[in-house]
Amino acid sequence: MARAGRGYAFAGAPTVPVTVAWGTRDRILPYRQAAVARARLPGACHLDLTGCGHVPMHDDPELVASVILDTTRAAPA
């Protein structure tokens, strides 16, 4: 999967609110890769999930729920 994804490049602009929330302690998708996400999706909201690993909903379920709710509230009705 990682090899196949290397050549992928998103082209266009999202038509809905997009949030990329990255765990600062993720050992599968290291936090340093968040910079790549920021560069490739500059129009998205980028959040650090401080202290969270690869499964942030386990590490801080309330934080993850609030991020999801904040993003969905921003969507036009």
PDB file of N, CA and C in Angstrom:
ATOM      1  N   MET A   1       0.824  -1.184   0.000  1.00  0.00           N
ATOM      2  CA  MET A   1       0.000   0.000   0.000  1.00  0.00           C
ATOM      3  C   MET A   1       0.868   1.247   0.000  1.00  0.00           C
ATOM      4  N   ALA A   2       1.895   1.245   0.833  1.00  0.00           N
ATOM      5  CA  ALA A   2       2.761   2.423   0.897  1.00  0.00           C
ATOM      6  C   ALA A   2       3.423   2.684  -0.449  1.00  0.00           C
ATOM      7  N   ARG A   3       3.849   1.632  -1.123  1.00  0.00           N
ATOM      8  CA  ARG A   3       4.485   1.796  -2.426  1.00  0.00           C
ATOM      9  C   ARG A   3       3.503   2.360  -3.445  1.00  0.00           C
ATOM     10  N   ALA A   4       2.278   1.863  -3.441  1.00  0.00           N
ATOM     11  CA  ALA A   4       1.268   2.332  -4.394  1.00  0.00           C
ATOM     12  C   ALA A   4       0.907   3.792  -4.136  1.00  0.00           C
ATOM     13  N   GLY A   5       0.938   4.208  -2.891  1.00  0.00           N
ATOM     14  CA  GLY A   5       0.564   5.570  -2.545  1.00  0.00           C
ATOM     15  C   GLY A   5       1.618   6.610  -2.865  1.00  0.00           C
ATOM     16  N   ARG A   6       2.824   6.184  -3.132  1.00  0.00           N
ATOM     17  CA  ARG A   6       3.906   7.147  -3.403  1.00  0.00           C
ATOM     18  C   ARG A   6       3.624   8.026  -4.605  1.00  0.00           C
ATOM     19  N   GLY A   7       2.992   7.470  -5.622  1.00  0.00           N
ATOM     20  CA  GLY A   7       2.738   8.237  -6.829  1.00  0.00           C
ATOM     21  C   GLY A   7       1.423   8.986  -6.814  1.00  0.00           C
ATOM     22  N   TYR A   8       0.644   8.840  -5.739  1.00  0.00           N
ATOM     23  CA  TYR A   8      -0.663   9.494  -5.673  1.00  0.00           C
ATOM     24  C   TYR A   8      -0.498  10.974  -5.367  1.00  0.00           C
ATOM     25  N   ALA A   9      -1.225  11.790  -6.095  1.00  0.00           N
ATOM     26  CA  ALA A   9      -1.241  13.228  -5.819  1.00  0.00           C
ATOM     27  C   ALA A   9      -2.675  13.718  -5.972  1.00  0.00           C
ATOM     28  N   PHE A  10      -3.219  14.266  -4.920  1.00  0.00           N
ATOM     29  CA  PHE A  10      -4.566  14.807  -4.969  1.00  0.00           C
ATOM     30  C   PHE A  10      -4.569  16.019  -5.871  1.00  0.00           C
ATOM     31  N   ALA A  11      -5.494  16.054  -6.808  1.00  0.00           N
ATOM     32  CA  ALA A  11      -5.601  17.192  -7.719  1.00  0.00           C
ATOM     33  C   ALA A  11      -7.000  17.763  -7.579  1.00  0.00           C
ATOM     34  N   GLY A  12      -7.082  19.005  -7.222  1.00  0.00           N
ATOM     35  CA  GLY A  12      -8.379  19.634  -7.054  1.00  0.00           C
ATOM     36  C   GLY A  12      -8.484  20.290  -5.694  1.00  0.00           C
ATOM     37  N   ALA A  13      -9.672  20.698  -5.387  1.00  0.00           N
ATOM     38  CA  ALA A  13      -9.924  21.339  -4.103  1.00  0.00           C
ATOM     39  C   ALA A  13     -11.140  20.669  -3.464  1.00  0.00           C
ATOM     40  N   PRO A  14     -11.047  20.321  -2.201  1.00  0.00           N
ATOM     41  CA  PRO A  14     -12.200  19.726  -1.530  1.00  0.00           C
ATOM     42  C   PRO A  14     -13.386  20.685  -1.536  1.00  0.00           C
ATOM     43  N   THR A  15     -14.565  20.140  -1.646  1.00  0.00           N
ATOM     44  CA  THR A  15     -15.777  20.962  -1.637  1.00  0.00           C
ATOM     45  C   THR A  15     -16.477  20.903  -0.287  1.00  0.00           C
ATOM     46  N   VAL A  16     -15.879  20.226   0.654  1.00  0.00           N
ATOM     47  CA  VAL A  16     -16.401  20.122   2.011  1.00  0.00           C
ATOM     48  C   VAL A  16     -15.257  20.437   2.977  1.00  0.00           C
ATOM     49  N   PRO A  17     -15.574  20.779   4.213  1.00  0.00           N
ATOM     50  CA  PRO A  17     -14.502  21.014   5.187  1.00  0.00           C
ATOM     51  C   PRO A  17     -13.668  19.745   5.388  1.00  0.00           C
ATOM     52  N   VAL A  18     -12.358  19.916   5.423  1.00  0.00           N
ATOM     53  CA  VAL A  18     -11.441  18.795   5.608  1.00  0.00           C
ATOM     54  C   VAL A  18     -10.539  19.096   6.797  1.00  0.00           C
ATOM     55  N   THR A  19     -10.443  18.132   7.686  1.00  0.00           N
ATOM     56  CA  THR A  19      -9.537  18.232   8.818  1.00  0.00           C
ATOM     57  C   THR A  19      -8.591  17.042   8.782  1.00  0.00           C
ATOM     58  N   VAL A  20      -7.303  17.332   8.885  1.00  0.00           N
ATOM     59  CA  VAL A  20      -6.296  16.293   9.011  1.00  0.00           C
ATOM     60  C   VAL A  20      -5.761  16.396  10.433  1.00  0.00           C
ATOM     61  N   ALA A  21      -6.066  15.397  11.230  1.00  0.00           N
ATOM     62  CA  ALA A  21      -5.642  15.386  12.629  1.00  0.00           C
ATOM     63  C   ALA A  21      -4.610  14.281  12.794  1.00  0.00           C
ATOM     64  N   TRP A  22      -3.418  14.646  13.253  1.00  0.00           N
ATOM     65  CA  TRP A  22      -2.303  13.706  13.298  1.00  0.00           C
ATOM     66  C   TRP A  22      -1.832  13.520  14.730  1.00  0.00           C
ATOM     67  N   GLY A  23      -1.718  12.272  15.140  1.00  0.00           N
ATOM     68  CA  GLY A  23      -1.201  11.959  16.475  1.00  0.00           C
ATOM     69  C   GLY A  23       0.278  12.275  16.578  1.00  0.00           C
ATOM     70  N   THR A  24       0.656  13.018  17.583  1.00  0.00           N
ATOM     71  CA  THR A  24       2.058  13.403  17.736  1.00  0.00           C
ATOM     72  C   THR A  24       2.929  12.232  18.180  1.00  0.00           C
ATOM     73  N   ARG A  25       2.288  11.136  18.617  1.00  0.00           N
ATOM     74  CA  ARG A  25       3.056   9.958  19.052  1.00  0.00           C
ATOM     75  C   ARG A  25       2.781   8.747  18.160  1.00  0.00           C
ATOM     76  N   ASP A  26       2.327   8.990  16.942  1.00  0.00           N
ATOM     77  CA  ASP A  26       2.022   7.905  16.007  1.00  0.00           C
ATOM     78  C   ASP A  26       3.323   7.261  15.550  1.00  0.00           C
ATOM     79  N   ARG A  27       3.442   5.945  15.744  1.00  0.00           N
ATOM     80  CA  ARG A  27       4.657   5.234  15.338  1.00  0.00           C
ATOM     81  C   ARG A  27       4.476   4.510  14.004  1.00  0.00           C
ATOM     82  N   ILE A  28       3.258   4.471  13.490  1.00  0.00           N
ATOM     83  CA  ILE A  28       2.990   3.851  12.194  1.00  0.00           C
ATOM     84  C   ILE A  28       3.129   4.900  11.084  1.00  0.00           C
ATOM     85  N   LEU A  29       2.447   6.025  11.266  1.00  0.00           N
ATOM     86  CA  LEU A  29       2.559   7.170  10.358  1.00  0.00           C
ATOM     87  C   LEU A  29       3.210   8.294  11.171  1.00  0.00           C
ATOM     88  N   PRO A  30       4.530   8.347  11.179  1.00  0.00           N
ATOM     89  CA  PRO A  30       5.234   9.278  12.061  1.00  0.00           C
ATOM     90  C   PRO A  30       4.760  10.719  11.921  1.00  0.00           C
ATOM     91  N   TYR A  31       4.762  11.404  13.046  1.00  0.00           N
ATOM     92  CA  TYR A  31       4.272  12.782  13.098  1.00  0.00           C
ATOM     93  C   TYR A  31       4.977  13.689  12.098  1.00  0.00           C
ATOM     94  N   ARG A  32       6.225  13.415  11.800  1.00  0.00           N
ATOM     95  CA  ARG A  32       6.954  14.269  10.839  1.00  0.00           C
ATOM     96  C   ARG A  32       6.284  14.283   9.470  1.00  0.00           C
ATOM     97  N   GLN A  33       5.496  13.255   9.150  1.00  0.00           N
ATOM     98  CA  GLN A  33       4.800  13.209   7.871  1.00  0.00           C
ATOM     99  C   GLN A  33       3.618  14.186   7.818  1.00  0.00           C
ATOM    100  N   ALA A  34       3.228  14.721   8.947  1.00  0.00           N
ATOM    101  CA  ALA A  34       2.149  15.715   8.960  1.00  0.00           C
ATOM    102  C   ALA A  34       2.524  16.930   8.112  1.00  0.00           C
ATOM    103  N   ALA A  35       3.804  17.220   8.029  1.00  0.00           N
ATOM    104  CA  ALA A  35       4.259  18.351   7.203  1.00  0.00           C
ATOM    105  C   ALA A  35       3.939  18.104   5.725  1.00  0.00           C
ATOM    106  N   VAL A  36       4.025  16.853   5.293  1.00  0.00           N
ATOM    107  CA  VAL A  36       3.687  16.510   3.912  1.00  0.00           C
ATOM    108  C   VAL A  36       2.198  16.734   3.687  1.00  0.00           C
ATOM    109  N   ALA A  37       1.384  16.319   4.641  1.00  0.00           N
ATOM    110  CA  ALA A  37      -0.062  16.525   4.527  1.00  0.00           C
ATOM    111  C   ALA A  37      -0.390  18.013   4.465  1.00  0.00           C
ATOM    112  N   ARG A  38       0.281  18.807   5.258  1.00  0.00           N
ATOM    113  CA  ARG A  38       0.053  20.256   5.241  1.00  0.00           C
ATOM    114  C   ARG A  38       0.401  20.855   3.881  1.00  0.00           C
ATOM    115  N   ALA A  39       1.481  20.385   3.306  1.00  0.00           N
ATOM    116  CA  ALA A  39       1.909  20.903   2.004  1.00  0.00           C
ATOM    117  C   ALA A  39       0.964  20.473   0.887  1.00  0.00           C
ATOM    118  N   ARG A  40       0.458  19.248   0.966  1.00  0.00           N
ATOM    119  CA  ARG A  40      -0.382  18.725  -0.113  1.00  0.00           C
ATOM    120  C   ARG A  40      -1.843  19.134  -0.003  1.00  0.00           C
ATOM    121  N   LEU A  41      -2.280  19.477   1.189  1.00  0.00           N
ATOM    122  CA  LEU A  41      -3.666  19.930   1.398  1.00  0.00           C
ATOM    123  C   LEU A  41      -3.653  21.249   2.165  1.00  0.00           C
ATOM    124  N   PRO A  42      -3.180  22.315   1.520  1.00  0.00           N
ATOM    125  CA  PRO A  42      -3.049  23.580   2.243  1.00  0.00           C
ATOM    126  C   PRO A  42      -4.383  24.187   2.673  1.00  0.00           C
ATOM    127  N   GLY A  43      -5.476  23.812   2.034  1.00  0.00           N
ATOM    128  CA  GLY A  43      -6.767  24.372   2.398  1.00  0.00           C
ATOM    129  C   GLY A  43      -7.459  23.649   3.535  1.00  0.00           C
ATOM    130  N   ALA A  44      -6.860  22.559   3.993  1.00  0.00           N
ATOM    131  CA  ALA A  44      -7.460  21.791   5.084  1.00  0.00           C
ATOM    132  C   ALA A  44      -7.083  22.394   6.430  1.00  0.00           C
ATOM    133  N   CYS A  45      -7.882  22.081   7.408  1.00  0.00           N
ATOM    134  CA  CYS A  45      -7.535  22.408   8.789  1.00  0.00           C
ATOM    135  C   CYS A  45      -6.619  21.282   9.279  1.00  0.00           C
ATOM    136  N   HIS A  46      -5.459  21.625   9.799  1.00  0.00           N
ATOM    137  CA  HIS A  46      -4.502  20.623  10.276  1.00  0.00           C
ATOM    138  C   HIS A  46      -4.367  20.763  11.785  1.00  0.00           C
ATOM    139  N   LEU A  47      -4.569  19.647  12.477  1.00  0.00           N
ATOM    140  CA  LEU A  47      -4.514  19.649  13.931  1.00  0.00           C
ATOM    141  C   LEU A  47      -3.535  18.603  14.434  1.00  0.00           C
ATOM    142  N   ASP A  48      -2.827  18.943  15.485  1.00  0.00           N
ATOM    143  CA  ASP A  48      -1.983  17.983  16.167  1.00  0.00           C
ATOM    144  C   ASP A  48      -2.799  17.373  17.306  1.00  0.00           C
ATOM    145  N   LEU A  49      -2.799  16.058  17.372  1.00  0.00           N
ATOM    146  CA  LEU A  49      -3.448  15.365  18.480  1.00  0.00           C
ATOM    147  C   LEU A  49      -2.344  15.016  19.475  1.00  0.00           C
ATOM    148  N   THR A  50      -2.078  15.965  20.352  1.00  0.00           N
ATOM    149  CA  THR A  50      -0.970  15.859  21.293  1.00  0.00           C
ATOM    150  C   THR A  50      -1.115  14.628  22.182  1.00  0.00           C
ATOM    151  N   GLY A  51      -0.060  13.833  22.206  1.00  0.00           N
ATOM    152  CA  GLY A  51      -0.027  12.652  23.053  1.00  0.00           C
ATOM    153  C   GLY A  51      -0.715  11.433  22.469  1.00  0.00           C
ATOM    154  N   CYS A  52      -1.323  11.568  21.302  1.00  0.00           N
ATOM    155  CA  CYS A  52      -2.046  10.453  20.691  1.00  0.00           C
ATOM    156  C   CYS A  52      -1.135   9.684  19.741  1.00  0.00           C
ATOM    157  N   GLY A  53      -1.392   8.384  19.665  1.00  0.00           N
ATOM    158  CA  GLY A  53      -0.655   7.526  18.758  1.00  0.00           C
ATOM    159  C   GLY A  53      -1.469   7.245  17.503  1.00  0.00           C
ATOM    160  N   HIS A  54      -1.271   6.043  16.944  1.00  0.00           N
ATOM    161  CA  HIS A  54      -1.905   5.675  15.683  1.00  0.00           C
ATOM    162  C   HIS A  54      -3.411   5.450  15.812  1.00  0.00           C
ATOM    163  N   VAL A  55      -3.877   5.194  17.009  1.00  0.00           N
ATOM    164  CA  VAL A  55      -5.325   4.988  17.238  1.00  0.00           C
ATOM    165  C   VAL A  55      -5.782   6.054  18.232  1.00  0.00           C
ATOM    166  N   PRO A  56      -5.909   7.301  17.755  1.00  0.00           N
ATOM    167  CA  PRO A  56      -6.199   8.402  18.672  1.00  0.00           C
ATOM    168  C   PRO A  56      -7.548   8.285  19.363  1.00  0.00           C
ATOM    169  N   MET A  57      -8.502   7.572  18.736  1.00  0.00           N
ATOM    170  CA  MET A  57      -9.798   7.434  19.377  1.00  0.00           C
ATOM    171  C   MET A  57      -9.704   6.567  20.624  1.00  0.00           C
ATOM    172  N   HIS A  58      -8.664   5.786  20.737  1.00  0.00           N
ATOM    173  CA  HIS A  58      -8.426   5.023  21.966  1.00  0.00           C
ATOM    174  C   HIS A  58      -7.686   5.889  22.988  1.00  0.00           C
ATOM    175  N   ASP A  59      -6.729   6.677  22.496  1.00  0.00           N
ATOM    176  CA  ASP A  59      -5.903   7.489  23.388  1.00  0.00           C
ATOM    177  C   ASP A  59      -6.663   8.666  23.993  1.00  0.00           C
ATOM    178  N   ASP A  60      -7.505   9.305  23.209  1.00  0.00           N
ATOM    179  CA  ASP A  60      -8.250  10.468  23.691  1.00  0.00           C
ATOM    180  C   ASP A  60      -9.583  10.563  22.945  1.00  0.00           C
ATOM    181  N   PRO A  61     -10.544   9.706  23.302  1.00  0.00           N
ATOM    182  CA  PRO A  61     -11.814   9.674  22.559  1.00  0.00           C
ATOM    183  C   PRO A  61     -12.568  10.997  22.573  1.00  0.00           C
ATOM    184  N   GLU A  62     -12.511  11.727  23.656  1.00  0.00           N
ATOM    185  CA  GLU A  62     -13.222  13.007  23.713  1.00  0.00           C
ATOM    186  C   GLU A  62     -12.627  14.016  22.740  1.00  0.00           C
ATOM    187  N   LEU A  63     -11.315  14.053  22.642  1.00  0.00           N
ATOM    188  CA  LEU A  63     -10.656  14.963  21.702  1.00  0.00           C
ATOM    189  C   LEU A  63     -11.038  14.614  20.264  1.00  0.00           C
ATOM    190  N   VAL A  64     -10.974  13.330  19.919  1.00  0.00           N
ATOM    191  CA  VAL A  64     -11.304  12.909  18.562  1.00  0.00           C
ATOM    192  C   VAL A  64     -12.766  13.231  18.239  1.00  0.00           C
ATOM    193  N   ALA A  65     -13.662  12.977  19.169  1.00  0.00           N
ATOM    194  CA  ALA A  65     -15.074  13.289  18.950  1.00  0.00           C
ATOM    195  C   ALA A  65     -15.274  14.782  18.731  1.00  0.00           C
ATOM    196  N   SER A  66     -14.567  15.614  19.493  1.00  0.00           N
ATOM    197  CA  SER A  66     -14.730  17.057  19.325  1.00  0.00           C
ATOM    198  C   SER A  66     -14.178  17.525  17.976  1.00  0.00           C
ATOM    199  N   VAL A  67     -13.090  16.925  17.507  1.00  0.00           N
ATOM    200  CA  VAL A  67     -12.538  17.273  16.192  1.00  0.00           C
ATOM    201  C   VAL A  67     -13.546  16.915  15.097  1.00  0.00           C
ATOM    202  N   ILE A  68     -14.135  15.724  15.188  1.00  0.00           N
ATOM    203  CA  ILE A  68     -15.130  15.299  14.197  1.00  0.00           C
ATOM    204  C   ILE A  68     -16.338  16.223  14.224  1.00  0.00           C
ATOM    205  N   LEU A  69     -16.836  16.533  15.398  1.00  0.00           N
ATOM    206  CA  LEU A  69     -18.012  17.401  15.501  1.00  0.00           C
ATOM    207  C   LEU A  69     -17.721  18.807  14.998  1.00  0.00           C
ATOM    208  N   ASP A  70     -16.543  19.338  15.323  1.00  0.00           N
ATOM    209  CA  ASP A  70     -16.192  20.679  14.841  1.00  0.00           C
ATOM    210  C   ASP A  70     -16.118  20.714  13.324  1.00  0.00           C
ATOM    211  N   THR A  71     -15.571  19.672  12.726  1.00  0.00           N
ATOM    212  CA  THR A  71     -15.459  19.618  11.266  1.00  0.00           C
ATOM    213  C   THR A  71     -16.833  19.490  10.624  1.00  0.00           C
ATOM    214  N   THR A  72     -17.672  18.612  11.152  1.00  0.00           N
ATOM    215  CA  THR A  72     -18.991  18.422  10.533  1.00  0.00           C
ATOM    216  C   THR A  72     -19.892  19.633  10.743  1.00  0.00           C
ATOM    217  N   ARG A  73     -19.719  20.355  11.819  1.00  0.00           N
ATOM    218  CA  ARG A  73     -20.506  21.588  12.031  1.00  0.00           C
ATOM    219  C   ARG A  73     -20.148  22.656  11.009  1.00  0.00           C
ATOM    220  N   ALA A  74     -18.915  22.605  10.500  1.00  0.00           N
ATOM    221  CA  ALA A  74     -18.465  23.610   9.531  1.00  0.00           C
ATOM    222  C   ALA A  74     -19.025  23.358   8.135  1.00  0.00           C
ATOM    223  N   ALA A  75     -19.574  22.177   7.914  1.00  0.00           N
ATOM    224  CA  ALA A  75     -20.108  21.837   6.590  1.00  0.00           C
ATOM    225  C   ALA A  75     -21.421  22.585   6.350  1.00  0.00           C
ATOM    226  N   PRO A  76     -21.627  23.059   5.125  1.00  0.00           N
ATOM    227  CA  PRO A  76     -22.890  23.712   4.817  1.00  0.00           C
ATOM    228  C   PRO A  76     -24.042  22.700   4.906  1.00  0.00           C
ATOM    229  N   ALA A  77     -25.188  23.168   5.342  1.00  0.00           N
ATOM    230  CA  ALA A  77     -26.346  22.282   5.510  1.00  0.00           C
ATOM    231  C   ALA A  77     -26.930  21.881   4.180  1.00  0.00           C
TER     232      ALA A  77
END
